[in-house]
Amino acid sequence: MFVIFSVFYILIAAAMIVLILMQRGAGADAGSGFGGGASATVFGARGSSSFMTRATAVLAALFFLLSLGMGIYLSRHGGTPQNSGADLGVMSGLANPPAATQNAQPSAPANAEIPQATKPAGEVPAATTPAQTATVPAATAPAKPATPEKK
């Protein structure tokens, strides 16, 4: 039942969009109000409604009522389909998956051809770079400038 209402809802919305886009805007005749003298107001006189404006009003009312009805229907039925779980078909084997244990270790490696990493027997020394091993001479004091002798 809800699927039928959803289809009508989408069709009414699409028809409303088409009708609204096909109509001529109220501001289309705004220029005639400033100098043409054909209309009594700036946006033109609103006389009898055309077929498209009446159809748009009817579709808008139907859209509103259908939205309200679908909202009430979903609030009473919970919004989700009721399924007892008896007919799961192919997925029935996954209804109660076994619980996984925490920190479970695999009994055998997945691929026996790949060697497993082992801990080194001793401490591995840190790598040194040539810049670290080179000795830097100590800084020397700058030489004093020679002063000329007085005669």
C-alpha atoms as a PDB file:
ATOM      1  CA  MET A   1       0.000   0.000   0.000  1.00  0.00           C
ATOM      2  CA  PHE A   2       2.816   2.389   0.896  1.00  0.00           C
ATOM      3  CA  VAL A   3       4.542   1.667  -2.425  1.00  0.00           C
ATOM      4  CA  ILE A   4       1.425   2.707  -4.355  1.00  0.00           C
ATOM      5  CA  PHE A   5       1.240   5.969  -2.411  1.00  0.00           C
ATOM      6  CA  SER A   6       4.938   6.581  -3.034  1.00  0.00           C
ATOM      7  CA  VAL A   7       4.472   6.145  -6.793  1.00  0.00           C
ATOM      8  CA  PHE A   8       1.562   8.608  -6.814  1.00  0.00           C
ATOM      9  CA  TYR A   9       3.578  10.998  -4.668  1.00  0.00           C
ATOM     10  CA  ILE A  10       6.455  11.038  -7.165  1.00  0.00           C
ATOM     11  CA  LEU A  11       4.118  11.390 -10.165  1.00  0.00           C
ATOM     12  CA  ILE A  12       2.252  14.312  -8.565  1.00  0.00           C
ATOM     13  CA  ALA A  13       5.545  16.020  -7.697  1.00  0.00           C
ATOM     14  CA  ALA A  14       6.849  15.631 -11.264  1.00  0.00           C
ATOM     15  CA  ALA A  15       3.577  16.930 -12.751  1.00  0.00           C
ATOM     16  CA  MET A  16       3.658  19.924 -10.407  1.00  0.00           C
ATOM     17  CA  ILE A  17       7.225  20.756 -11.443  1.00  0.00           C
ATOM     18  CA  VAL A  18       6.310  20.593 -15.132  1.00  0.00           C
ATOM     19  CA  LEU A  19       3.211  22.763 -14.709  1.00  0.00           C
ATOM     20  CA  ILE A  20       5.041  25.375 -12.665  1.00  0.00           C
ATOM     21  CA  LEU A  21       7.865  25.631 -15.183  1.00  0.00           C
ATOM     22  CA  MET A  22       5.448  25.946 -18.102  1.00  0.00           C
ATOM     23  CA  GLN A  23       3.567  28.875 -16.595  1.00  0.00           C
ATOM     24  CA  ARG A  24       4.389  32.438 -17.384  1.00  0.00           C
ATOM     25  CA  GLY A  25       5.774  34.427 -14.465  1.00  0.00           C
ATOM     26  CA  ALA A  26       3.863  37.284 -12.856  1.00  0.00           C
ATOM     27  CA  GLY A  27       6.727  39.674 -13.541  1.00  0.00           C
ATOM     28  CA  ALA A  28       6.732  39.012 -17.273  1.00  0.00           C
ATOM     29  CA  ASP A  29       4.307  41.864 -17.902  1.00  0.00           C
ATOM     30  CA  ALA A  30       5.882  44.245 -15.390  1.00  0.00           C
ATOM     31  CA  GLY A  31       7.129  46.558 -18.122  1.00  0.00           C
ATOM     32  CA  SER A  32       3.621  47.212 -19.374  1.00  0.00           C
ATOM     33  CA  GLY A  33       2.649  48.718 -16.038  1.00  0.00           C
ATOM     34  CA  PHE A  34       5.159  51.544 -16.387  1.00  0.00           C
ATOM     35  CA  GLY A  35       4.135  52.891 -19.748  1.00  0.00           C
ATOM     36  CA  GLY A  36       1.833  50.597 -21.638  1.00  0.00           C
ATOM     37  CA  GLY A  37      -1.288  51.465 -19.712  1.00  0.00           C
ATOM     38  CA  ALA A  38      -2.740  48.015 -20.400  1.00  0.00           C
ATOM     39  CA  SER A  39      -2.641  46.853 -16.821  1.00  0.00           C
ATOM     40  CA  ALA A  40      -3.925  48.431 -13.664  1.00  0.00           C
ATOM     41  CA  THR A  41      -1.028  47.362 -11.457  1.00  0.00           C
ATOM     42  CA  VAL A  42       2.690  46.830 -11.875  1.00  0.00           C
ATOM     43  CA  PHE A  43       2.408  43.049 -12.165  1.00  0.00           C
ATOM     44  CA  GLY A  44      -0.766  42.967 -14.210  1.00  0.00           C
ATOM     45  CA  ALA A  45      -4.366  42.369 -13.283  1.00  0.00           C
ATOM     46  CA  ARG A  46      -5.257  38.952 -11.923  1.00  0.00           C
ATOM     47  CA  GLY A  47      -8.452  37.972 -13.641  1.00  0.00           C
ATOM     48  CA  SER A  48      -9.775  34.494 -14.178  1.00  0.00           C
ATOM     49  CA  SER A  49      -7.356  31.649 -13.607  1.00  0.00           C
ATOM     50  CA  SER A  50      -6.132  29.634 -16.512  1.00  0.00           C
ATOM     51  CA  PHE A  51      -6.232  25.859 -16.707  1.00  0.00           C
ATOM     52  CA  MET A  52      -2.575  25.542 -15.688  1.00  0.00           C
ATOM     53  CA  THR A  53      -2.930  27.589 -12.518  1.00  0.00           C
ATOM     54  CA  ARG A  54      -5.990  25.606 -11.439  1.00  0.00           C
ATOM     55  CA  ALA A  55      -4.264  22.298 -12.211  1.00  0.00           C
ATOM     56  CA  THR A  56      -1.234  23.420 -10.216  1.00  0.00           C
ATOM     57  CA  ALA A  57      -3.444  24.291  -7.255  1.00  0.00           C
ATOM     58  CA  VAL A  58      -5.186  20.896  -7.396  1.00  0.00           C
ATOM     59  CA  LEU A  59      -1.854  19.051  -7.637  1.00  0.00           C
ATOM     60  CA  ALA A  60      -0.453  21.068  -4.735  1.00  0.00           C
ATOM     61  CA  ALA A  61      -3.467  20.157  -2.592  1.00  0.00           C
ATOM     62  CA  LEU A  62      -3.101  16.469  -3.511  1.00  0.00           C
ATOM     63  CA  PHE A  63       0.621  16.622  -2.755  1.00  0.00           C
ATOM     64  CA  PHE A  64      -0.083  18.137   0.663  1.00  0.00           C
ATOM     65  CA  LEU A  65      -2.795  15.599   1.527  1.00  0.00           C
ATOM     66  CA  LEU A  66      -0.673  12.666   0.345  1.00  0.00           C
ATOM     67  CA  SER A  67       2.296  13.905   2.393  1.00  0.00           C
ATOM     68  CA  LEU A  68       0.104  14.192   5.458  1.00  0.00           C
ATOM     69  CA  GLY A  69      -1.453  10.760   4.906  1.00  0.00           C
ATOM     70  CA  MET A  70       1.899   9.054   4.373  1.00  0.00           C
ATOM     71  CA  GLY A  71       3.266  10.675   7.529  1.00  0.00           C
ATOM     72  CA  ILE A  72       0.321   9.416   9.585  1.00  0.00           C
ATOM     73  CA  TYR A  73       0.608   5.945   8.057  1.00  0.00           C
ATOM     74  CA  LEU A  74       4.324   5.719   8.849  1.00  0.00           C
ATOM     75  CA  SER A  75       3.848   6.947  12.410  1.00  0.00           C
ATOM     76  CA  ARG A  76       1.286   4.224  13.121  1.00  0.00           C
ATOM     77  CA  HIS A  77       3.171   1.385  11.449  1.00  0.00           C
ATOM     78  CA  GLY A  78       6.652   2.253  12.711  1.00  0.00           C
ATOM     79  CA  GLY A  79       8.081   3.151   9.316  1.00  0.00           C
ATOM     80  CA  THR A  80       9.757  -0.228   8.822  1.00  0.00           C
ATOM     81  CA  PRO A  81       8.288  -3.404   7.385  1.00  0.00           C
ATOM     82  CA  GLN A  82       7.557  -6.075   9.973  1.00  0.00           C
ATOM     83  CA  ASN A  83       9.631  -9.214   9.381  1.00  0.00           C
ATOM     84  CA  SER A  84       9.629 -12.164  11.753  1.00  0.00           C
ATOM     85  CA  GLY A  85      12.914 -13.493  10.321  1.00  0.00           C
ATOM     86  CA  ALA A  86      11.392 -16.842   9.324  1.00  0.00           C
ATOM     87  CA  ASP A  87      11.849 -16.328   5.585  1.00  0.00           C
ATOM     88  CA  LEU A  88      15.362 -15.006   5.051  1.00  0.00           C
ATOM     89  CA  GLY A  89      16.129 -17.179   2.034  1.00  0.00           C
ATOM     90  CA  VAL A  90      19.841 -17.297   1.221  1.00  0.00           C
ATOM     91  CA  MET A  91      20.682 -15.060   4.165  1.00  0.00           C
ATOM     92  CA  SER A  92      19.187 -17.441   6.737  1.00  0.00           C
ATOM     93  CA  GLY A  93      22.649 -18.907   7.424  1.00  0.00           C
ATOM     94  CA  LEU A  94      23.853 -15.487   8.555  1.00  0.00           C
ATOM     95  CA  ALA A  95      21.037 -14.913  11.032  1.00  0.00           C
ATOM     96  CA  ASN A  96      23.145 -15.902  14.073  1.00  0.00           C
ATOM     97  CA  PRO A  97      26.865 -15.510  13.301  1.00  0.00           C
ATOM     98  CA  PRO A  98      29.273 -17.112  15.804  1.00  0.00           C
ATOM     99  CA  ALA A  99      30.766 -14.733  18.324  1.00  0.00           C
ATOM    100  CA  ALA A 100      34.428 -13.915  17.715  1.00  0.00           C
ATOM    101  CA  THR A 101      36.805 -14.221  20.644  1.00  0.00           C
ATOM    102  CA  GLN A 102      38.992 -11.292  21.570  1.00  0.00           C
ATOM    103  CA  ASN A 103      42.727 -11.435  20.854  1.00  0.00           C
ATOM    104  CA  ALA A 104      42.382 -14.683  18.943  1.00  0.00           C
ATOM    105  CA  GLN A 105      45.648 -15.680  17.249  1.00  0.00           C
ATOM    106  CA  PRO A 106      45.576 -17.702  14.033  1.00  0.00           C
ATOM    107  CA  SER A 107      46.782 -21.275  14.574  1.00  0.00           C
ATOM    108  CA  ALA A 108      48.745 -21.398  11.315  1.00  0.00           C
ATOM    109  CA  PRO A 109      50.032 -18.670   9.010  1.00  0.00           C
ATOM    110  CA  ALA A 110      47.802 -17.883   6.081  1.00  0.00           C
ATOM    111  CA  ASN A 111      50.578 -18.524   3.555  1.00  0.00           C
ATOM    112  CA  ALA A 112      53.290 -20.960   4.594  1.00  0.00           C
ATOM    113  CA  GLU A 113      55.639 -19.856   1.799  1.00  0.00           C
ATOM    114  CA  ILE A 114      56.141 -16.395   3.299  1.00  0.00           C
ATOM    115  CA  PRO A 115      58.640 -16.507   6.165  1.00  0.00           C
ATOM    116  CA  GLN A 116      57.508 -14.977   9.421  1.00  0.00           C
ATOM    117  CA  ALA A 117      59.426 -12.136  11.033  1.00  0.00           C
ATOM    118  CA  THR A 118      61.553 -13.095  14.036  1.00  0.00           C
ATOM    119  CA  LYS A 119      62.988 -11.019  16.838  1.00  0.00           C
ATOM    120  CA  PRO A 120      66.741 -10.357  16.636  1.00  0.00           C
ATOM    121  CA  ALA A 121      68.829 -12.224  19.187  1.00  0.00           C
ATOM    122  CA  GLY A 122      70.676  -9.189  20.499  1.00  0.00           C
ATOM    123  CA  GLU A 123      70.399  -5.446  20.557  1.00  0.00           C
ATOM    124  CA  VAL A 124      70.924  -3.845  17.160  1.00  0.00           C
ATOM    125  CA  PRO A 125      73.293  -0.851  17.292  1.00  0.00           C
ATOM    126  CA  ALA A 126      72.092   2.434  15.941  1.00  0.00           C
ATOM    127  CA  ALA A 127      73.353   3.403  12.520  1.00  0.00           C
ATOM    128  CA  THR A 128      75.997   6.126  12.370  1.00  0.00           C
ATOM    129  CA  THR A 129      76.574   8.531   9.538  1.00  0.00           C
ATOM    130  CA  PRO A 130      79.971   9.797   8.348  1.00  0.00           C
ATOM    131  CA  ALA A 131      79.085  13.273   9.619  1.00  0.00           C
ATOM    132  CA  GLN A 132      78.686  11.886  13.120  1.00  0.00           C
ATOM    133  CA  THR A 133      82.081  10.119  13.103  1.00  0.00           C
ATOM    134  CA  ALA A 134      84.164  12.962  11.618  1.00  0.00           C
ATOM    135  CA  THR A 135      86.132  15.030  14.111  1.00  0.00           C
ATOM    136  CA  VAL A 136      85.687  18.731  14.116  1.00  0.00           C
ATOM    137  CA  PRO A 137      88.718  20.817  15.099  1.00  0.00           C
ATOM    138  CA  ALA A 138      88.291  23.109  18.046  1.00  0.00           C
ATOM    139  CA  ALA A 139      87.687  26.746  17.366  1.00  0.00           C
ATOM    140  CA  THR A 140      90.720  29.014  17.722  1.00  0.00           C
ATOM    141  CA  ALA A 141      90.818  32.598  18.853  1.00  0.00           C
ATOM    142  CA  PRO A 142      91.091  35.109  16.031  1.00  0.00           C
ATOM    143  CA  ALA A 143      94.513  36.605  15.449  1.00  0.00           C
ATOM    144  CA  LYS A 144      95.106  40.166  16.619  1.00  0.00           C
ATOM    145  CA  PRO A 145      95.900  42.659  13.891  1.00  0.00           C
ATOM    146  CA  ALA A 146      99.494  43.822  13.840  1.00  0.00           C
ATOM    147  CA  THR A 147     100.028  47.381  14.990  1.00  0.00           C
ATOM    148  CA  PRO A 148     102.714  49.459  13.311  1.00  0.00           C
ATOM    149  CA  GLU A 149     105.759  50.290  15.403  1.00  0.00           C
ATOM    150  CA  LYS A 150     106.304  53.850  16.413  1.00  0.00           C
ATOM    151  CA  LYS A 151     109.721  55.389  15.667  1.00  0.00           C
END
